Protein backbone atom coordinates (compact mmCIF):
# COMPACT_ATOMS: atom_id res chain seq x y z
CA MET A 1 108.81 93.36 -11.90
CA ALA A 2 111.73 92.17 -13.18
CA GLY A 3 113.38 89.04 -14.17
CA ILE A 4 117.22 87.32 -13.19
CA TYR A 5 119.28 85.04 -16.31
CA ILE A 6 121.55 83.01 -14.89
CA HIS A 7 124.18 81.77 -17.67
CA ILE A 8 125.47 78.15 -16.85
CA PRO A 9 128.07 78.16 -19.60
CA PHE A 10 129.11 74.05 -19.88
CA CYS A 11 128.02 71.41 -22.11
CA LYS A 12 128.66 67.59 -22.30
CA LYS A 13 129.12 68.08 -26.29
CA ALA A 14 129.33 71.04 -28.85
CA CYS A 15 126.18 70.70 -31.16
CA HIS A 16 127.42 71.55 -34.39
CA TYR A 17 125.20 74.33 -35.15
CA CYS A 18 125.53 76.72 -31.74
CA ASP A 19 127.24 79.40 -31.35
CA PHE A 20 126.19 80.42 -27.68
CA HIS A 21 128.88 80.73 -24.97
CA PHE A 22 130.41 77.55 -23.48
CA SER A 23 132.78 74.78 -22.91
CA THR A 24 132.67 71.18 -22.67
CA SER A 25 135.60 71.30 -20.01
CA LEU A 26 134.65 71.40 -16.67
CA LYS A 27 137.91 72.84 -15.72
CA PHE A 28 136.39 76.23 -14.21
CA LYS A 29 133.17 75.28 -13.26
CA GLU A 30 133.82 75.53 -9.15
CA GLU A 31 135.32 79.05 -9.94
CA VAL A 32 132.27 80.00 -12.26
CA LEU A 33 129.81 79.03 -9.95
CA THR A 34 131.86 80.99 -6.89
CA ALA A 35 132.23 83.97 -9.20
CA ILE A 36 128.28 83.72 -10.23
CA LEU A 37 127.35 83.79 -6.52
CA LYS A 38 129.70 86.85 -6.21
CA GLU A 39 128.28 88.80 -8.93
CA VAL A 40 124.59 88.17 -7.52
CA GLY A 41 125.90 90.27 -4.56
CA ARG A 42 127.34 92.92 -6.46
CA GLN A 43 124.28 93.52 -8.57
CA GLN A 44 122.08 94.00 -5.99
CA ALA A 45 121.17 97.40 -7.22
CA TYR A 46 120.73 96.98 -10.70
CA LEU A 47 117.32 96.53 -10.62
CA ASN A 48 116.22 99.38 -8.66
CA LYS A 49 114.99 96.93 -5.88
CA GLU A 50 111.86 95.46 -8.24
CA GLU A 51 110.56 92.50 -7.42
CA ILE A 52 111.83 89.42 -9.03
CA GLU A 53 109.15 87.29 -11.11
CA THR A 54 111.36 84.98 -12.81
CA ILE A 55 114.53 83.26 -13.10
CA TYR A 56 115.71 81.48 -15.92
CA PHE A 57 118.85 79.04 -15.96
CA GLY A 58 120.33 79.04 -19.75
CA GLY A 59 123.26 77.97 -21.14
CA GLY A 60 124.98 75.93 -21.88
CA THR A 61 123.09 73.18 -20.49
CA PRO A 62 122.33 73.87 -16.65
CA SER A 63 121.00 70.43 -16.29
CA LEU A 64 124.35 69.65 -15.85
CA LEU A 65 124.05 71.67 -12.30
CA ASN A 66 123.82 69.19 -9.23
CA LYS A 67 120.60 69.70 -6.84
CA LYS A 68 123.45 71.57 -3.97
CA GLU A 69 124.59 73.87 -6.69
CA LEU A 70 121.04 74.96 -7.99
CA LYS A 71 120.03 75.40 -4.29
CA ILE A 72 122.99 77.29 -3.50
CA ILE A 73 122.16 79.70 -6.30
CA LEU A 74 118.48 80.10 -5.83
CA ASN A 75 119.14 81.07 -2.18
CA LYS A 76 121.65 83.60 -2.90
CA ILE A 77 119.16 85.32 -5.47
CA GLY A 78 116.40 84.96 -2.37
CA GLU A 79 119.01 86.94 -0.28
CA VAL A 80 119.89 89.67 -2.02
CA PHE A 81 116.78 90.34 -4.14
CA LYS A 82 112.88 90.44 -3.43
CA LEU A 83 110.72 87.55 -5.06
CA ILE A 84 107.19 87.19 -5.60
CA LYS A 85 105.54 84.50 -3.78
CA THR A 86 106.07 81.93 -6.53
CA PRO A 87 108.35 83.05 -9.56
CA GLU A 88 108.57 81.07 -12.58
CA ILE A 89 111.95 79.10 -12.59
CA THR A 90 112.92 78.11 -15.72
CA LEU A 91 115.83 75.34 -16.27
CA GLU A 92 116.95 74.53 -19.94
CA ALA A 93 117.73 70.99 -20.12
CA ASN A 94 119.17 67.86 -22.18
CA PRO A 95 116.70 65.29 -22.41
CA ASP A 96 119.60 62.74 -21.40
CA ASP A 97 120.18 64.67 -18.06
CA LEU A 98 116.03 64.60 -17.06
CA THR A 99 116.58 61.16 -15.60
CA LEU A 100 113.72 60.36 -12.76
CA GLN A 101 115.85 60.82 -10.08
CA LYS A 102 117.08 64.15 -11.50
CA LEU A 103 113.44 65.56 -12.27
CA LYS A 104 112.62 64.69 -8.55
CA GLU A 105 115.56 66.86 -7.19
CA LEU A 106 114.69 69.63 -9.86
CA LYS A 107 110.98 69.30 -8.40
CA GLU A 108 112.38 69.72 -4.59
CA VAL A 109 114.53 72.41 -5.31
CA GLY A 110 111.87 74.36 -6.53
CA ILE A 111 112.38 74.84 -10.57
CA ASN A 112 108.93 74.89 -11.59
CA ARG A 113 109.01 75.16 -15.62
CA LEU A 114 111.61 73.03 -18.05
CA SER A 115 112.85 74.16 -21.39
CA ILE A 116 113.98 71.02 -23.07
CA GLY A 117 116.31 71.14 -25.91
CA VAL A 118 114.55 67.99 -27.90
CA GLN A 119 115.11 69.45 -31.41
CA SER A 120 114.01 66.32 -33.42
CA PHE A 121 112.34 63.22 -32.79
CA PHE A 122 114.44 61.46 -35.33
CA ASP A 123 118.13 60.15 -34.42
CA LYS A 124 119.72 60.94 -37.82
CA HIS A 125 118.72 64.49 -37.30
CA LEU A 126 120.65 64.29 -33.68
CA THR A 127 123.75 62.68 -35.08
CA TRP A 128 123.84 65.31 -37.69
CA MET A 129 123.62 68.09 -35.30
CA ASN A 130 125.71 66.07 -32.52
CA ARG A 131 123.46 65.77 -30.13
CA ALA A 132 124.02 64.00 -26.80
CA HIS A 133 120.61 62.36 -26.18
CA SER A 134 118.55 60.20 -28.47
CA ALA A 135 114.36 60.41 -29.33
CA LYS A 136 113.78 57.54 -27.10
CA GLU A 137 115.10 59.76 -24.14
CA SER A 138 113.30 62.98 -25.34
CA LYS A 139 109.87 61.42 -25.36
CA GLU A 140 110.79 59.52 -21.65
CA CYS A 141 111.94 62.53 -20.09
CA ILE A 142 108.82 64.66 -21.11
CA ILE A 143 106.40 61.86 -20.06
CA ASN A 144 108.47 61.40 -16.57
CA ALA A 145 108.35 65.08 -15.93
CA LYS A 146 104.43 65.31 -16.40
CA SER A 147 104.15 62.59 -14.49
CA LEU A 148 105.96 64.02 -11.30
CA GLY A 149 103.55 67.25 -11.49
CA PHE A 150 105.67 69.41 -14.05
CA SER A 151 102.90 71.08 -15.70
CA ASN A 152 104.69 73.94 -17.10
CA LEU A 153 106.80 72.20 -20.08
CA THR A 154 108.60 73.58 -23.07
CA LEU A 155 110.43 71.94 -25.90
CA ASP A 156 112.71 73.28 -28.57
CA LEU A 157 112.53 71.91 -32.39
CA ILE A 158 114.87 72.86 -35.05
CA TYR A 159 113.64 73.11 -38.65
CA GLY A 160 115.26 74.05 -42.25
CA MET A 161 118.17 71.16 -41.58
CA PRO A 162 119.27 70.15 -45.30
CA ASN A 163 118.31 66.56 -44.20
CA LEU A 164 114.82 67.34 -43.14
CA SER A 165 111.91 66.54 -45.27
CA ASN A 166 108.38 68.06 -44.89
CA GLU A 167 107.09 64.87 -43.78
CA GLU A 168 109.72 64.64 -41.28
CA TRP A 169 109.29 67.80 -39.94
CA GLU A 170 105.19 67.21 -39.64
CA GLU A 171 106.12 64.00 -37.68
CA ASN A 172 108.39 65.85 -35.28
CA ILE A 173 105.53 68.52 -34.54
CA LYS A 174 103.01 65.98 -34.49
CA GLN A 175 104.73 64.29 -31.66
CA ALA A 176 105.55 67.14 -29.70
CA VAL A 177 102.03 67.79 -29.77
CA ASP A 178 100.78 64.47 -28.88
CA LEU A 179 103.00 64.54 -25.42
CA GLY A 180 100.72 67.02 -24.51
CA VAL A 181 103.35 70.17 -23.92
CA GLY A 182 101.77 73.59 -23.16
CA HIS A 183 104.71 75.59 -25.19
CA ILE A 184 106.59 74.79 -28.18
CA SER A 185 109.76 76.77 -29.22
CA ALA A 186 110.82 76.01 -32.89
CA TYR A 187 113.70 77.70 -34.69
CA ASN A 188 115.13 78.18 -38.26
CA LEU A 189 118.83 76.39 -38.86
CA THR A 190 121.31 79.32 -39.27
CA MET A 191 124.82 78.91 -40.25
CA GLU A 192 126.51 80.95 -37.77
CA GLN A 193 130.19 81.42 -38.24
CA ASN A 194 132.85 79.90 -35.97
CA THR A 195 130.55 76.85 -35.65
CA ALA A 196 131.41 72.98 -36.68
CA TYR A 197 128.19 73.53 -39.10
CA ALA A 198 129.89 76.08 -40.85
CA HIS A 199 133.06 74.50 -41.18
CA TYR A 200 131.48 71.44 -42.66
CA VAL A 201 129.89 73.51 -45.30
CA LYS A 202 132.76 75.20 -46.11
CA LYS A 203 134.72 71.79 -46.63
CA GLY A 204 131.76 70.55 -48.72
CA ILE A 205 130.84 67.49 -46.05
CA TYR A 206 127.31 69.29 -45.08
CA GLU A 207 124.80 71.32 -47.39
CA ALA A 208 124.00 75.03 -46.29
CA PRO A 209 120.57 75.64 -45.19
CA SER A 210 117.82 76.55 -47.73
CA ASP A 211 116.14 79.86 -46.97
CA GLU A 212 113.14 78.21 -49.50
CA LYS A 213 112.96 75.12 -47.21
CA GLY A 214 113.25 77.22 -44.09
CA ALA A 215 110.30 79.34 -45.10
CA GLU A 216 108.08 76.29 -46.28
CA GLN A 217 108.47 74.71 -42.88
CA PHE A 218 108.01 77.72 -40.96
CA GLN A 219 104.54 77.56 -42.81
CA ILE A 220 103.85 74.37 -42.25
CA LEU A 221 104.74 74.76 -38.32
CA ILE A 222 102.31 77.75 -38.15
CA GLU A 223 99.49 75.88 -40.00
CA GLU A 224 99.76 72.53 -37.86
CA LEU A 225 100.36 74.35 -34.41
CA LYS A 226 97.16 76.60 -35.29
CA LYS A 227 95.15 73.50 -35.97
CA ALA A 228 96.50 71.51 -32.73
CA GLY A 229 95.29 74.99 -30.41
CA TYR A 230 98.80 76.73 -30.22
CA LEU A 231 98.85 80.65 -30.27
CA GLN A 232 101.74 81.80 -32.10
CA TYR A 233 102.31 84.68 -29.46
CA GLU A 234 106.10 85.44 -30.71
CA THR A 235 107.45 84.81 -34.32
CA SER A 236 109.44 81.32 -33.28
CA ASN A 237 107.30 80.55 -30.13
CA PHE A 238 103.61 78.74 -29.85
CA ALA A 239 101.63 78.13 -26.63
CA LYS A 240 98.39 76.77 -25.53
CA SER A 241 96.55 79.57 -22.99
CA ASN A 242 98.19 80.82 -20.16
CA GLN A 243 101.26 78.42 -20.93
CA TYR A 244 103.14 81.66 -22.43
CA SER A 245 106.76 82.11 -21.08
CA LYS A 246 106.87 85.11 -18.77
CA HIS A 247 110.69 85.16 -18.65
CA ASN A 248 111.17 85.34 -22.09
CA SER A 249 108.08 87.66 -22.56
CA SER A 250 109.41 90.20 -20.24
CA TYR A 251 112.03 90.34 -22.85
CA TRP A 252 109.87 91.49 -25.80
CA LYS A 253 107.88 93.53 -23.24
CA GLY A 254 110.78 95.69 -22.44
CA LYS A 255 111.20 94.73 -19.10
CA LYS A 256 114.52 95.01 -16.95
CA TYR A 257 116.35 92.12 -16.50
CA LEU A 258 119.65 91.03 -14.85
CA GLY A 259 122.09 88.52 -16.62
CA ILE A 260 124.58 86.52 -14.27
CA GLY A 261 127.22 84.29 -15.45
CA PRO A 262 129.76 84.94 -18.29
CA SER A 263 128.27 86.15 -21.59
CA ALA A 264 125.13 86.92 -19.71
CA HIS A 265 123.42 90.33 -21.03
CA SER A 266 121.48 92.82 -18.82
CA PHE A 267 118.77 95.70 -19.33
CA ASN A 268 117.53 98.38 -17.00
CA GLY A 269 115.48 100.57 -19.24
CA ASP A 270 118.21 102.95 -20.09
CA SER A 271 121.32 101.16 -20.89
CA ARG A 272 122.29 97.28 -21.67
CA GLN A 273 125.47 95.46 -20.54
CA TRP A 274 126.84 92.13 -21.37
CA ASN A 275 129.74 90.25 -19.39
CA VAL A 276 132.43 89.13 -20.95
CA ALA A 277 132.21 85.37 -22.94
CA ASN A 278 135.27 83.95 -21.40
CA ASN A 279 135.20 81.74 -18.09
CA LYS A 280 138.55 82.64 -17.02
CA LYS A 281 138.40 86.40 -17.72
CA TYR A 282 134.97 86.53 -16.46
CA ILE A 283 136.39 84.69 -13.24
CA ASP A 284 139.17 87.11 -12.63
CA ALA A 285 137.01 90.15 -13.20
CA ILE A 286 134.43 89.06 -10.53
CA ALA A 287 137.63 88.12 -7.96
CA ASN A 288 139.50 91.49 -8.58
CA ASN A 289 136.30 93.66 -8.01
CA SER A 290 136.84 94.77 -11.64
CA ALA A 291 134.06 95.37 -14.26
CA GLN A 292 133.28 91.98 -16.09
CA TYR A 293 131.17 93.84 -18.39
CA GLU A 294 130.39 96.31 -21.29
CA LEU A 295 128.21 98.90 -20.92
CA GLU A 296 125.92 100.74 -23.74
CA GLU A 297 123.78 103.53 -23.22
CA LEU A 298 120.77 103.81 -25.48
CA THR A 299 119.70 106.59 -27.13
CA ASN A 300 116.23 107.15 -28.15
CA PHE A 301 116.83 105.93 -31.49
CA ASN A 302 117.93 102.58 -29.91
CA LYS A 303 114.89 102.10 -28.29
CA VAL A 304 112.75 102.52 -30.73
CA ASN A 305 114.58 100.36 -33.48
CA GLU A 306 115.12 97.69 -30.31
CA HIS A 307 110.95 97.90 -29.71
CA LEU A 308 110.50 97.55 -33.11
CA LEU A 309 112.96 94.93 -34.03
CA ILE A 310 111.39 92.96 -30.64
CA GLY A 311 107.58 94.16 -30.72
CA LEU A 312 106.86 93.07 -34.10
CA ARG A 313 107.61 89.71 -33.46
CA THR A 314 105.03 89.67 -30.62
CA ILE A 315 100.92 89.58 -30.48
CA TRP A 316 101.46 92.67 -28.24
CA GLY A 317 102.71 94.52 -31.31
CA CYS A 318 104.60 97.82 -31.26
CA ASP A 319 103.49 100.97 -29.52
CA LEU A 320 103.04 104.03 -31.95
CA SER A 321 102.40 106.45 -29.08
CA PHE A 322 105.70 105.19 -27.77
CA ILE A 323 107.46 105.72 -31.03
CA GLU A 324 106.37 108.91 -31.38
CA LYS A 325 107.16 110.13 -27.88
CA GLU A 326 110.83 108.99 -28.45
CA LEU A 327 111.58 110.74 -31.77
CA PHE A 328 111.87 114.07 -33.28
CA GLU A 329 109.54 115.54 -35.61
CA LYS A 330 111.67 115.05 -38.80
CA THR A 331 112.45 111.66 -38.00
CA HIS A 332 109.24 110.72 -37.22
CA GLN A 333 107.68 111.86 -40.47
CA ALA A 334 110.28 109.84 -42.14
CA PHE A 335 109.43 106.47 -40.03
CA LEU A 336 105.57 107.15 -40.86
CA LYS A 337 106.85 107.30 -44.59
CA GLU A 338 108.35 104.03 -44.15
CA LEU A 339 105.69 102.78 -42.40
CA LYS A 340 103.15 103.45 -45.27
CA VAL A 341 105.08 101.50 -47.85
CA GLN A 342 105.13 98.28 -45.57
CA ILE A 343 101.57 98.64 -45.19
CA ALA A 344 100.54 99.10 -48.69
CA ASP A 345 103.00 95.78 -49.47
CA GLY A 346 101.16 94.00 -46.84
CA PHE A 347 103.90 93.24 -44.24
CA VAL A 348 102.45 95.39 -41.56
CA VAL A 349 98.54 96.25 -40.56
CA GLN A 350 97.84 98.88 -37.87
CA LYS A 351 95.28 98.77 -35.38
CA GLU A 352 93.98 101.50 -33.92
CA ASN A 353 97.79 103.09 -32.04
CA GLN A 354 99.15 99.61 -32.58
CA LEU A 355 101.13 97.96 -35.19
CA PHE A 356 101.16 94.12 -36.24
CA LEU A 357 103.23 91.71 -38.80
CA THR A 358 100.96 90.17 -40.83
CA GLU A 359 100.96 86.60 -42.01
CA LYS A 360 103.08 87.70 -44.93
CA GLY A 361 105.26 89.91 -42.70
CA LYS A 362 106.02 87.18 -40.39
CA LEU A 363 108.23 85.47 -42.98
CA PHE A 364 110.29 88.78 -43.61
CA ALA A 365 110.24 89.89 -39.71
CA ASP A 366 113.66 91.08 -39.50
CA ARG A 367 113.71 92.57 -42.82
CA VAL A 368 110.47 94.23 -41.98
CA ALA A 369 111.80 96.04 -38.76
CA SER A 370 115.32 96.62 -40.34
CA ASP A 371 113.41 98.85 -43.25
CA LEU A 372 111.54 100.56 -40.34
CA PHE A 373 114.42 101.29 -38.33
CA VAL A 374 115.10 105.33 -37.41
CA GLU A 375 118.35 106.97 -38.12
CA GLU A 376 119.83 109.39 -36.30
């Protein structure tokens, strides 16, 4: 089975740290939505008739779409693709959009999972990030969502901010747990180029993030959520039993997915493609029936390195049989040599034919994967 991702590239405000593709102008909103519908039809063959088990509205801020717009997109997907009886349908949302009326409309249109961008329960941090919502709105929308029967909720938190103390971080975690959401995603603040945050750091207005603070607060996160009964099933994702994100898990397990909308990525097992990250160019390409994406055919080396980068971050680990099958003998022996070093250094552990990060390794997940990468 496969998944579909829909990128909605519009936001009310530009968060200082965000480098995703979005626009704060709604100038091309109708044209983008029209192009999205047309692209769904154009990509009918991409997933080779596999059933769709997940649909994910990401962005940007998909909660800016109204009930009619969401319904039109979902109906189009249902016309073109075969869906399982009850697919997981996720909508990313900002708390300020999730009024009681909005939540009712989302329920009516078929959204059954909400990913809520809380980020912090302290207003001073939300102001620092240039978020559009308040801490009060975060709590209210989660309480209201649960009262309307949304049982599959996740919220995002950010740690590693220069002005976030360990005590405040522990309070953020506590409030998320106390609200009773079954899934929490937490991300270490990074300073991406061409963001307002990077500009402010360069000007000396903001302080750069500290690797030491990020690592310390990551450890706090792991310990506190473990005590609260959450399983760390991916480096940044924690869930109670049966509350995993099916859509994101499909990425990590190497399942096929189709990305629709400007900047959206797709994967079919043998290649990756990514749409142009420009609303006007995307609209024009779809309207002119020309390619709106770039394509990369994956080599065996690409497939192994992606398996290492993604698999090591999860509870499912990496399949050593897959790696051996994809590699030439000489390259495989070089990989095994480096693997022995990583095991000896305490970063990874082998259990039967699977490879996993240790608790120590989780602090250096990307570096460990990079050290294990194979070269052509």
